[in-house]
Amino acid sequence: MSDFPFLSVLTVAPLVGAVVVALLPRSRPTLAKQVALGWSLLVLALSVVMWVTWQVDGQRFQFRESYPWIPTWGVNFTFAADGIALVMLMLIAVLVPLVILASWHDAESSKRSVPVYFALLLVLECTMLGVFAAADVFLFYVFFEVMLVPMYFLIGSYGGHQRQYAAVKFFLYSLVGGLFMLAAVIGLWVVGGKTFDWVALSEVDISTGAERWLFLGFFIAFAIKAPFFPFHTWLPDAGGAAPAGAAALLVGVLDKVGTFGILRYCLPLFPDAAQWFAPWALALAVIGIIYAALLAVGQNDLKRLVSYTSIAHFGFIGVGIFAFTTQAGTGAVLYMVNHGLATGLLFLVVGMLIARRGSALVSDFGGAGKLVPVLAGVLFFAGLASLALPGTAPFVSEFLVLIGTFTVNKPVAVIATLGIILAAAYVLWMVQRTTQGTLNPALTEIDGMKRDLNLREKVVVAPLIALIVLLGFYPKPVTDVINPAIQATMEDVGRTDPAPSADTVQEASR
């Protein structure tokens, strides 16, 4: 099985499925949905085989493939996965089928082509898989840019209020970041011996000035994509306007390309510059945690509220990355996975509530739990997972980030901890205003609010709840895959974990 071209097949399969779905007649919407779901389940099955085949004690990069593309420029279709990429590929494979199921009626409500909607979701899956599997810098850049296209059309054509404004803003922000990356990619090709191969570039010695400029080009692109403060303003608009399923993929996966890019490209290729810029990056991350959490508290739009919570969560991931310890780094990558599960669930459940009420405003709800108790319970669970309640998966990752950061930078860890308190405020406020308290009489007159979760919706939320609980109590299968990649990245940066103090050693020996 080690010789099977897993990554290329995994990347191409959704694209083939998208073509098949797009060619189906508009008069057969159910068939389009079924084919899209079946194709995404095929990708999930292949991803599971990859996970089982993965060797924890094996090479850093596995499933490597390389095919010539533009020999004159030294560009190849090179795919390879380390532990960080593998867990993100699995996250995509898990989320997409659930998003397709959750979006079963989204396209019809927009009165646009159903086959095109689900074809766009499969194209998006193709580009997301490709960007995490790419081991050629130019190939990564191509996927990084191309994945804007399906998301632009999902927001602009199938979104809600102000969808055109949100789609254009999302596209322009990402495009500007892409231009910074393109300049850095060209510069890296020039100073790196005219190659785009990641392994070859990681061994190149770059002058201090050039390294800092190249780091900055990549970092700005990734900070916009993540997004980090102050490049975050596109996300609340895009997340608020996008269909719930597309928003779950936008926040759960697409934004992780930014933090993944920092770990894969900024740190190993520009280690000295990464350390030089680290205090600034930590400052932006901490500001983002507090600032976004405060804004989330004041939101009246459910989807915008969830979007702001994600900006705060990305601050924690940024802290974990730039703390430069294996604990914090592992926590950051685990946070990327757990945030995708928890916020993906939260967005999907919020989407179910909005579809029933016909409004995304918190003030239009009130006491909804009396009408839809199961849906209200799932919203409560998703909210608790989002605020990292012990026993849920995000708690493990947040704890690792904070404890790994505290060993090297106590002020940053202490300030970041304030974000946990604010998280409790905005999540509990949201739950209390929407599903608890006195029943809003207007809800009893809406037919949609008389329907609790149906079987299809239960199938959507059940796997996410199970994974969040499982990884909350037993994250070892995932951390075992992540740890070697993080240790290798820390070695690339030239950082080692601080040795325990004498007092700590004495305390541990007692």
Protein backbone atom coordinates (compact mmCIF):
# COMPACT_ATOMS: atom_id res chain seq x y z
CA MET A 1 0.00 0.00 0.00
CA SER A 2 2.95 2.37 0.53
CA ASP A 3 3.45 2.55 -3.26
CA PHE A 4 -0.13 3.55 -3.96
CA PRO A 5 -0.45 7.24 -5.06
CA PHE A 6 -2.73 8.14 -2.18
CA LEU A 7 -2.36 11.91 -2.29
CA SER A 8 -2.78 12.43 -6.01
CA VAL A 9 -5.81 10.14 -6.12
CA LEU A 10 -7.23 11.79 -3.01
CA THR A 11 -6.85 15.23 -4.59
CA VAL A 12 -8.17 14.37 -8.05
CA ALA A 13 -11.13 12.22 -6.92
CA PRO A 14 -13.36 15.13 -5.74
CA LEU A 15 -12.62 17.03 -8.95
CA VAL A 16 -13.82 14.09 -11.04
CA GLY A 17 -16.89 13.87 -8.83
CA ALA A 18 -17.53 17.59 -9.29
CA VAL A 19 -17.53 17.20 -13.09
CA VAL A 20 -19.97 14.29 -12.86
CA VAL A 21 -22.32 16.19 -10.54
CA ALA A 22 -22.18 19.39 -12.60
CA LEU A 23 -23.18 17.51 -15.75
CA LEU A 24 -26.32 16.09 -14.16
CA PRO A 25 -29.56 17.79 -15.25
CA ARG A 26 -31.05 20.45 -12.98
CA SER A 27 -34.27 18.46 -13.02
CA ARG A 28 -32.58 15.70 -10.98
CA PRO A 29 -31.49 17.55 -7.81
CA THR A 30 -31.76 14.50 -5.55
CA LEU A 31 -29.47 12.50 -7.81
CA ALA A 32 -26.90 15.30 -7.73
CA LYS A 33 -26.95 15.28 -3.93
CA GLN A 34 -26.62 11.51 -3.75
CA VAL A 35 -23.70 11.40 -6.19
CA ALA A 36 -21.90 14.22 -4.35
CA LEU A 37 -22.40 12.49 -1.01
CA GLY A 38 -21.23 9.14 -2.40
CA TRP A 39 -18.12 10.71 -3.89
CA SER A 40 -17.24 12.45 -0.63
CA LEU A 41 -17.66 9.17 1.25
CA LEU A 42 -15.26 7.56 -1.22
CA VAL A 43 -12.70 10.23 -0.35
CA LEU A 44 -13.33 9.58 3.35
CA ALA A 45 -12.75 5.85 2.87
CA LEU A 46 -9.46 6.50 1.07
CA SER A 47 -8.40 8.90 3.84
CA VAL A 48 -9.10 6.26 6.48
CA VAL A 49 -6.89 3.80 4.58
CA MET A 50 -4.16 6.47 4.54
CA TRP A 51 -4.51 6.98 8.28
CA VAL A 52 -4.22 3.25 8.94
CA THR A 53 -1.24 2.95 6.59
CA TRP A 54 0.61 5.88 8.20
CA GLN A 55 3.74 4.88 10.12
CA VAL A 56 4.08 6.94 13.29
CA ASP A 57 7.78 6.05 13.63
CA GLY A 58 8.41 6.37 9.89
CA GLN A 59 9.86 9.19 7.82
CA ARG A 60 8.78 12.78 8.39
CA PHE A 61 7.15 12.96 4.94
CA GLN A 62 5.28 9.91 3.70
CA PHE A 63 3.18 9.06 0.62
CA ARG A 64 5.60 11.12 -1.46
CA GLU A 65 4.89 11.42 -5.20
CA SER A 66 6.50 13.63 -7.82
CA TYR A 67 5.62 14.16 -11.47
CA PRO A 68 7.22 16.69 -13.86
CA TRP A 69 5.12 19.77 -14.63
CA ILE A 70 7.21 22.75 -15.80
CA PRO A 71 10.81 21.47 -15.95
CA THR A 72 12.19 24.83 -17.12
CA TRP A 73 11.15 26.43 -13.84
CA GLY A 74 11.83 23.39 -11.70
CA VAL A 75 8.11 22.93 -10.95
CA ASN A 76 6.75 19.47 -10.21
CA PHE A 77 3.50 17.93 -9.08
CA THR A 78 5.04 16.87 -5.77
CA PHE A 79 2.81 15.58 -3.01
CA ALA A 80 3.88 14.47 0.47
CA ALA A 81 2.29 14.49 3.91
CA ASP A 82 3.76 14.92 7.36
CA GLY A 83 1.75 14.42 10.53
CA ILE A 84 0.37 17.96 10.43
CA ALA A 85 -0.89 17.57 6.87
CA LEU A 86 -2.32 14.11 7.57
CA VAL A 87 -4.59 15.25 10.40
CA MET A 88 -5.83 18.15 8.27
CA LEU A 89 -6.56 15.82 5.35
CA MET A 90 -8.58 13.63 7.69
CA LEU A 91 -10.46 16.67 8.99
CA ILE A 92 -11.45 17.62 5.44
CA ALA A 93 -12.51 14.07 4.61
CA VAL A 94 -14.73 13.94 7.72
CA LEU A 95 -16.31 17.39 7.36
CA VAL A 96 -17.23 17.43 3.67
CA PRO A 97 -19.76 14.52 3.70
CA LEU A 98 -21.38 16.01 6.81
CA VAL A 99 -21.54 19.44 5.18
CA ILE A 100 -23.14 17.92 2.07
CA LEU A 101 -25.77 16.22 4.25
CA ALA A 102 -26.36 19.38 6.26
CA SER A 103 -26.71 21.43 3.04
CA TRP A 104 -29.30 19.08 1.52
CA HIS A 105 -31.85 21.86 0.98
CA ASP A 106 -29.60 24.96 0.92
CA ALA A 107 -29.36 25.26 -2.85
CA GLU A 108 -33.12 24.89 -3.34
CA SER A 109 -33.81 27.70 -0.88
CA SER A 110 -31.56 29.99 -2.94
CA LYS A 111 -33.46 29.00 -6.11
CA ARG A 112 -30.23 28.30 -7.98
CA SER A 113 -28.76 25.18 -9.59
CA VAL A 114 -28.55 22.30 -7.13
CA PRO A 115 -25.96 20.28 -9.13
CA VAL A 116 -23.69 23.32 -9.41
CA TYR A 117 -23.86 23.93 -5.65
CA PHE A 118 -22.74 20.42 -4.77
CA ALA A 119 -20.19 20.41 -7.60
CA LEU A 120 -18.67 23.56 -6.07
CA LEU A 121 -18.42 21.81 -2.70
CA LEU A 122 -16.48 18.94 -4.34
CA VAL A 123 -14.20 21.37 -6.22
CA LEU A 124 -13.57 23.09 -2.90
CA GLU A 125 -12.70 19.73 -1.35
CA CYS A 126 -10.23 19.06 -4.18
CA THR A 127 -8.43 22.37 -3.63
CA MET A 128 -8.38 21.99 0.15
CA LEU A 129 -6.86 18.52 -0.09
CA GLY A 130 -4.34 19.74 -2.65
CA VAL A 131 -3.11 22.67 -0.61
CA PHE A 132 -2.34 20.44 2.40
CA ALA A 133 -0.82 17.65 0.31
CA ALA A 134 1.45 19.83 -1.86
CA ALA A 135 5.19 19.55 -1.22
CA ASP A 136 6.19 21.89 -4.06
CA VAL A 137 6.00 25.59 -3.14
CA PHE A 138 4.63 26.63 -6.54
CA LEU A 139 2.01 23.86 -6.47
CA PHE A 140 1.01 24.98 -2.99
CA TYR A 141 0.62 28.54 -4.26
CA VAL A 142 -1.59 27.39 -7.14
CA PHE A 143 -3.94 25.50 -4.81
CA PHE A 144 -3.81 28.41 -2.33
CA GLU A 145 -5.17 30.75 -5.00
CA VAL A 146 -7.53 28.42 -6.85
CA MET A 147 -9.48 27.46 -3.73
CA LEU A 148 -10.75 31.05 -3.58
CA VAL A 149 -12.86 30.46 -6.70
CA PRO A 150 -15.36 27.82 -5.46
CA MET A 151 -15.76 29.59 -2.13
CA TYR A 152 -16.36 32.91 -3.90
CA PHE A 153 -19.23 31.40 -5.89
CA LEU A 154 -20.63 29.54 -2.87
CA ILE A 155 -20.85 32.82 -0.96
CA GLY A 156 -21.78 35.10 -3.85
CA SER A 157 -24.38 32.86 -5.50
CA TYR A 158 -25.83 30.83 -2.63
CA GLY A 159 -25.27 33.07 0.38
CA GLY A 160 -27.64 35.25 2.34
CA HIS A 161 -27.87 38.96 3.01
CA GLN A 162 -25.03 41.06 1.49
CA ARG A 163 -23.58 37.96 -0.15
CA GLN A 164 -22.07 39.86 -3.10
CA TYR A 165 -20.31 42.35 -0.82
CA ALA A 166 -19.01 39.56 1.41
CA ALA A 167 -17.83 37.44 -1.54
CA VAL A 168 -15.94 40.32 -3.15
CA LYS A 169 -14.38 41.34 0.17
CA PHE A 170 -13.28 37.76 0.84
CA PHE A 171 -11.83 37.47 -2.67
CA LEU A 172 -9.99 40.80 -2.59
CA TYR A 173 -8.45 40.25 0.83
CA SER A 174 -7.27 36.78 -0.16
CA LEU A 175 -6.04 38.02 -3.53
CA VAL A 176 -3.93 40.74 -1.92
CA GLY A 177 -2.42 38.14 0.40
CA GLY A 178 -1.79 35.93 -2.61
CA LEU A 179 0.13 38.74 -4.33
CA PHE A 180 2.43 39.06 -1.32
CA MET A 181 2.98 35.30 -1.44
CA LEU A 182 3.64 35.32 -5.18
CA ALA A 183 6.39 37.90 -4.74
CA ALA A 184 7.88 35.81 -1.92
CA VAL A 185 7.60 32.59 -3.97
CA ILE A 186 9.50 34.17 -6.86
CA GLY A 187 12.12 35.56 -4.50
CA LEU A 188 12.51 32.16 -2.84
CA TRP A 189 12.97 30.53 -6.26
CA VAL A 190 15.74 33.00 -7.10
CA VAL A 191 17.69 32.67 -3.85
CA GLY A 192 16.94 28.96 -3.50
CA GLY A 193 18.73 27.75 -6.62
CA LYS A 194 15.75 27.90 -8.98
CA THR A 195 13.77 25.09 -7.42
CA PHE A 196 10.39 24.92 -5.72
CA ASP A 197 10.97 21.59 -3.96
CA TRP A 198 10.33 22.01 -0.23
CA VAL A 199 13.07 19.59 0.85
CA ALA A 200 15.70 21.30 -1.30
CA LEU A 201 14.65 24.77 -0.17
CA SER A 202 14.79 23.79 3.50
CA GLU A 203 18.53 23.20 3.10
CA VAL A 204 19.28 26.55 1.45
CA ASP A 205 21.23 29.16 3.44
CA ILE A 206 19.56 32.56 2.90
CA SER A 207 21.00 35.92 3.94
CA THR A 208 19.42 37.63 6.94
CA GLY A 209 17.87 40.50 5.00
CA ALA A 210 16.43 38.32 2.25
CA GLU A 211 15.12 35.80 4.76
CA ARG A 212 13.20 38.45 6.68
CA TRP A 213 11.60 39.89 3.55
CA LEU A 214 10.63 36.44 2.30
CA PHE A 215 9.21 35.48 5.69
CA LEU A 216 7.16 38.68 5.72
CA GLY A 217 5.71 37.98 2.26
CA PHE A 218 4.57 34.51 3.28
CA PHE A 219 3.44 35.58 6.75
CA ILE A 220 1.20 38.41 5.51
CA ALA A 221 -0.53 36.01 3.10
CA PHE A 222 -1.04 33.45 5.85
CA ALA A 223 -2.11 36.05 8.43
CA ILE A 224 -4.84 37.25 6.06
CA LYS A 225 -5.95 33.71 5.38
CA ALA A 226 -6.01 32.62 9.04
CA PRO A 227 -7.08 35.41 9.82
CA PHE A 228 -4.99 37.16 12.46
CA PHE A 229 -5.64 40.64 13.80
CA PRO A 230 -5.65 43.18 12.08
CA PHE A 231 -6.31 41.26 8.83
CA HIS A 232 -9.52 39.68 10.15
CA THR A 233 -12.30 41.98 8.96
CA TRP A 234 -13.27 39.86 5.94
CA LEU A 235 -14.21 36.79 8.01
CA PRO A 236 -17.31 38.07 9.89
CA ASP A 237 -18.78 39.29 6.60
CA ALA A 238 -17.95 36.09 4.70
CA GLY A 239 -18.99 33.79 7.54
CA GLY A 240 -22.19 35.74 8.07
CA ALA A 241 -23.21 35.70 4.40
CA ALA A 242 -22.09 32.19 3.40
CA PRO A 243 -24.47 29.21 3.55
CA ALA A 244 -24.00 27.40 6.85
CA GLY A 245 -22.24 24.41 5.26
CA ALA A 246 -19.85 26.59 3.27
CA ALA A 247 -19.21 28.70 6.38
CA ALA A 248 -18.34 25.54 8.33
CA LEU A 249 -15.72 24.65 5.71
CA LEU A 250 -14.51 28.25 5.48
CA VAL A 251 -13.84 28.54 9.21
CA GLY A 252 -13.18 24.87 9.89
CA VAL A 253 -10.69 24.19 7.11
CA LEU A 254 -9.88 27.05 4.69
CA ASP A 255 -8.68 29.37 7.42
CA LYS A 256 -6.37 26.63 8.73
CA VAL A 257 -4.35 26.97 5.51
CA GLY A 258 -2.94 30.12 7.07
CA THR A 259 -1.70 28.50 10.28
CA PHE A 260 -0.61 25.38 8.38
CA GLY A 261 1.38 27.57 5.99
CA ILE A 262 3.20 29.23 8.87
CA LEU A 263 4.16 25.83 10.28
CA ARG A 264 5.11 24.31 6.92
CA TYR A 265 6.80 27.28 5.20
CA CYS A 266 7.52 30.25 7.47
CA LEU A 267 9.18 28.37 10.30
CA PRO A 268 11.30 25.69 8.53
CA LEU A 269 12.33 27.78 5.49
CA PHE A 270 13.01 31.02 7.38
CA PRO A 271 13.94 29.94 10.92
CA ASP A 272 15.97 33.00 11.95
CA ALA A 273 13.38 35.40 10.60
CA ALA A 274 10.64 33.45 12.37
CA GLN A 275 12.38 33.96 15.71
CA TRP A 276 13.05 37.61 14.92
CA PHE A 277 9.37 38.28 14.11
CA ALA A 278 8.00 36.03 16.89
CA PRO A 279 7.36 38.80 19.48
CA TRP A 280 5.31 40.75 16.93
CA ALA A 281 3.38 37.64 15.91
CA LEU A 282 2.64 36.82 19.56
CA ALA A 283 1.44 40.38 20.14
CA LEU A 284 -0.97 40.14 17.18
CA ALA A 285 -2.21 36.75 18.40
CA VAL A 286 -2.90 37.96 21.95
CA ILE A 287 -4.63 41.12 20.72
CA GLY A 288 -6.75 38.96 18.43
CA ILE A 289 -7.85 36.73 21.31
CA ILE A 290 -9.08 39.59 23.47
CA TYR A 291 -10.34 41.91 20.73
CA ALA A 292 -12.35 39.27 18.85
CA ALA A 293 -13.81 37.86 22.07
CA LEU A 294 -15.02 41.33 23.11
CA LEU A 295 -16.60 41.86 19.68
CA ALA A 296 -18.25 38.43 19.86
CA VAL A 297 -19.96 39.40 23.12
CA GLY A 298 -21.68 42.31 21.39
CA GLN A 299 -22.94 40.49 18.27
CA ASN A 300 -26.63 40.08 17.52
CA ASP A 301 -26.09 37.98 14.37
CA LEU A 302 -25.47 34.30 15.17
CA LYS A 303 -23.16 33.56 12.24
CA ARG A 304 -21.11 36.72 12.74
CA LEU A 305 -20.82 35.83 16.43
CA VAL A 306 -19.42 32.39 15.59
CA SER A 307 -17.04 34.00 13.08
CA TYR A 308 -15.64 36.33 15.74
CA THR A 309 -15.17 33.42 18.13
CA SER A 310 -13.05 31.76 15.46
CA ILE A 311 -10.79 34.81 15.19
CA ALA A 312 -10.19 34.54 18.94
CA HIS A 313 -9.45 30.83 18.60
CA PHE A 314 -6.93 31.52 15.85
CA GLY A 315 -5.16 33.78 18.30
CA PHE A 316 -4.61 30.75 20.54
CA ILE A 317 -3.25 28.80 17.58
CA GLY A 318 -0.87 31.66 16.78
CA VAL A 319 0.35 31.74 20.37
CA GLY A 320 1.00 27.99 20.25
CA ILE A 321 2.98 28.26 17.01
CA PHE A 322 5.23 31.15 18.04
CA ALA A 323 5.88 29.91 21.57
CA PHE A 324 8.36 27.50 19.93
CA THR A 325 7.84 24.58 22.29
CA THR A 326 6.71 21.11 21.28
CA GLN A 327 3.85 21.18 23.79
CA ALA A 328 2.48 24.45 22.48
CA GLY A 329 3.11 23.47 18.86
CA THR A 330 1.33 20.15 19.26
CA GLY A 331 -1.48 21.98 21.02
CA ALA A 332 -1.72 24.46 18.13
CA VAL A 333 -2.07 21.72 15.51
CA LEU A 334 -4.51 19.79 17.69
CA TYR A 335 -6.41 23.06 18.11
CA MET A 336 -6.64 23.32 14.31
CA VAL A 337 -8.33 19.92 14.22
CA ASN A 338 -10.53 20.39 17.28
CA HIS A 339 -11.59 23.87 16.24
CA GLY A 340 -12.62 22.45 12.87
CA LEU A 341 -14.82 19.89 14.61
CA ALA A 342 -16.30 22.17 17.29
CA THR A 343 -16.83 25.28 15.19
CA GLY A 344 -17.95 23.18 12.24
CA LEU A 345 -20.62 21.68 14.50
CA LEU A 346 -21.54 25.11 15.86
CA PHE A 347 -21.94 26.62 12.40
CA LEU A 348 -24.03 23.70 11.16
CA VAL A 349 -26.33 23.80 14.20
CA VAL A 350 -26.67 27.58 13.96
CA GLY A 351 -27.55 27.07 10.29
CA MET A 352 -30.30 24.62 11.29
CA LEU A 353 -31.72 27.16 13.74
CA ILE A 354 -31.62 29.96 11.19
CA ALA A 355 -33.29 27.79 8.54
CA ARG A 356 -36.16 27.11 10.93
CA ARG A 357 -36.58 30.68 12.19
CA GLY A 358 -35.82 32.49 8.94
CA SER A 359 -33.56 34.91 10.81
CA ALA A 360 -29.98 34.94 12.10
CA LEU A 361 -30.62 37.58 14.76
CA VAL A 362 -30.25 36.49 18.36
CA SER A 363 -33.03 38.89 19.36
CA ASP A 364 -35.49 37.03 17.11
CA PHE A 365 -35.19 33.87 19.21
CA GLY A 366 -35.71 33.38 22.93
CA GLY A 367 -36.85 30.19 24.65
CA ALA A 368 -36.46 28.14 21.46
CA GLY A 369 -35.41 25.16 23.55
CA LYS A 370 -39.03 24.67 24.58
CA LEU A 371 -39.94 24.01 20.93
CA VAL A 372 -36.82 22.22 19.66
CA PRO A 373 -35.19 20.70 22.76
CA VAL A 374 -32.79 18.33 20.95
CA LEU A 375 -31.52 21.05 18.63
CA ALA A 376 -31.13 23.38 21.62
CA GLY A 377 -29.17 20.69 23.45
CA VAL A 378 -26.80 20.22 20.52
CA LEU A 379 -26.30 23.99 20.30
CA PHE A 380 -25.47 24.04 24.02
CA PHE A 381 -22.97 21.20 23.60
CA ALA A 382 -21.35 22.89 20.58
CA GLY A 383 -21.08 26.11 22.56
CA LEU A 384 -19.45 24.34 25.51
CA ALA A 385 -16.99 22.68 23.14
CA SER A 386 -16.23 26.05 21.57
CA LEU A 387 -15.36 27.55 24.97
CA ALA A 388 -13.11 24.51 25.64
CA LEU A 389 -15.00 22.89 28.49
CA PRO A 390 -12.99 20.08 30.13
CA GLY A 391 -14.02 16.77 28.61
CA THR A 392 -14.29 18.22 25.12
CA ALA A 393 -11.53 18.09 22.51
CA PRO A 394 -10.78 21.87 22.38
CA PHE A 395 -9.93 21.83 26.09
CA VAL A 396 -6.98 19.47 25.49
CA SER A 397 -5.53 21.61 22.72
CA GLU A 398 -6.08 24.90 24.57
CA PHE A 399 -4.47 23.46 27.71
CA LEU A 400 -1.43 22.28 25.74
CA VAL A 401 -1.05 25.69 24.11
CA LEU A 402 -1.25 27.56 27.41
CA ILE A 403 0.98 25.23 29.42
CA GLY A 404 3.55 25.06 26.61
CA THR A 405 3.56 28.85 26.33
CA PHE A 406 3.72 29.44 30.08
CA THR A 407 7.07 27.64 30.31
CA VAL A 408 8.71 30.23 28.02
CA ASN A 409 6.48 33.33 28.08
CA LYS A 410 4.36 33.74 31.19
CA PRO A 411 2.84 37.18 30.35
CA VAL A 412 1.51 35.96 26.99
CA ALA A 413 0.02 32.83 28.57
CA VAL A 414 -1.65 34.83 31.35
CA ILE A 415 -3.17 37.40 28.98
CA ALA A 416 -4.35 34.66 26.61
CA THR A 417 -6.11 32.97 29.53
CA LEU A 418 -8.42 35.97 29.77
CA GLY A 419 -9.83 34.82 26.45
CA ILE A 420 -11.24 31.73 28.17
CA ILE A 421 -13.27 33.92 30.55
CA LEU A 422 -14.60 35.99 27.66
CA ALA A 423 -15.41 32.80 25.74
CA ALA A 424 -17.68 31.70 28.56
CA ALA A 425 -19.40 35.09 28.40
CA TYR A 426 -20.20 35.12 24.69
CA VAL A 427 -21.14 31.44 24.43
CA LEU A 428 -23.41 31.37 27.47
CA TRP A 429 -24.97 34.68 26.43
CA MET A 430 -25.72 33.27 22.99
CA VAL A 431 -27.26 30.07 24.37
CA GLN A 432 -29.28 31.91 27.01
CA ARG A 433 -30.70 34.45 24.55
CA THR A 434 -31.60 31.91 21.85
CA THR A 435 -32.78 28.73 23.53
CA GLN A 436 -33.36 29.53 27.23
CA GLY A 437 -35.58 31.92 29.14
CA THR A 438 -39.08 33.01 28.29
CA LEU A 439 -40.48 31.67 25.04
CA ASN A 440 -40.76 34.29 22.31
CA PRO A 441 -44.47 34.13 21.26
CA ALA A 442 -43.51 34.80 17.62
CA LEU A 443 -41.71 31.45 17.47
CA THR A 444 -44.94 29.51 18.05
CA GLU A 445 -46.36 30.92 14.82
CA ILE A 446 -43.46 29.65 12.68
CA ASP A 447 -43.89 26.13 11.33
CA GLY A 448 -40.15 25.56 11.12
CA MET A 449 -39.72 26.09 14.85
CA LYS A 450 -42.08 23.20 15.51
CA ARG A 451 -39.68 20.70 13.91
CA ASP A 452 -36.85 19.32 16.01
CA LEU A 453 -33.83 17.55 14.51
CA ASN A 454 -34.79 15.01 11.86
CA LEU A 455 -32.88 11.82 11.10
CA ARG A 456 -30.64 13.44 8.45
CA GLU A 457 -29.65 16.23 10.82
CA LYS A 458 -28.97 13.76 13.64
CA VAL A 459 -26.65 11.84 11.30
CA VAL A 460 -24.82 15.14 10.65
CA VAL A 461 -24.25 16.12 14.28
CA ALA A 462 -23.71 12.68 15.86
CA PRO A 463 -20.22 11.95 14.38
CA LEU A 464 -18.98 15.43 15.32
CA ILE A 465 -20.25 15.10 18.88
CA ALA A 466 -18.66 11.65 19.16
CA LEU A 467 -15.28 12.89 17.88
CA ILE A 468 -15.31 15.94 20.16
CA VAL A 469 -15.97 13.73 23.21
CA LEU A 470 -13.54 11.00 22.14
CA LEU A 471 -10.66 13.41 21.52
CA GLY A 472 -11.53 15.21 24.72
CA PHE A 473 -10.79 12.08 26.73
CA TYR A 474 -8.32 10.25 24.46
CA PRO A 475 -6.40 12.50 22.03
CA LYS A 476 -3.40 10.14 21.85
CA PRO A 477 -4.10 8.72 18.35
CA VAL A 478 -3.95 12.25 16.94
CA THR A 479 -1.12 13.64 19.07
CA ASP A 480 1.03 10.62 18.24
CA VAL A 481 0.77 11.59 14.57
CA ILE A 482 1.35 15.31 15.21
CA ASN A 483 4.26 15.11 17.68
CA PRO A 484 7.03 13.91 15.31
CA ALA A 485 6.20 16.63 12.78
CA ILE A 486 6.21 19.35 15.44
CA GLN A 487 9.50 18.09 16.88
CA ALA A 488 11.04 18.19 13.40
CA THR A 489 9.71 21.72 12.88
CA MET A 490 11.20 22.90 16.18
CA GLU A 491 14.53 21.38 15.12
CA ASP A 492 14.28 23.32 11.84
CA VAL A 493 13.80 26.52 13.82
CA GLY A 494 16.68 25.59 16.13
CA ARG A 495 14.59 25.68 19.30
CA THR A 496 14.43 23.11 22.07
CA ASP A 497 12.06 22.81 25.00
CA PRO A 498 13.32 24.49 28.19
CA ALA A 499 14.89 22.11 30.68
CA PRO A 500 12.86 21.66 33.88
CA SER A 501 14.11 23.65 36.85
CA ALA A 502 15.62 21.99 39.92
CA ASP A 503 12.48 22.77 41.93
CA THR A 504 10.30 21.11 39.30
CA VAL A 505 12.47 18.01 39.25
CA GLN A 506 12.39 17.74 43.06
CA GLU A 507 8.61 18.18 43.11
CA ALA A 508 8.15 15.49 40.44
CA SER A 509 10.37 13.02 42.36
CA ARG A 510 8.32 13.25 45.54
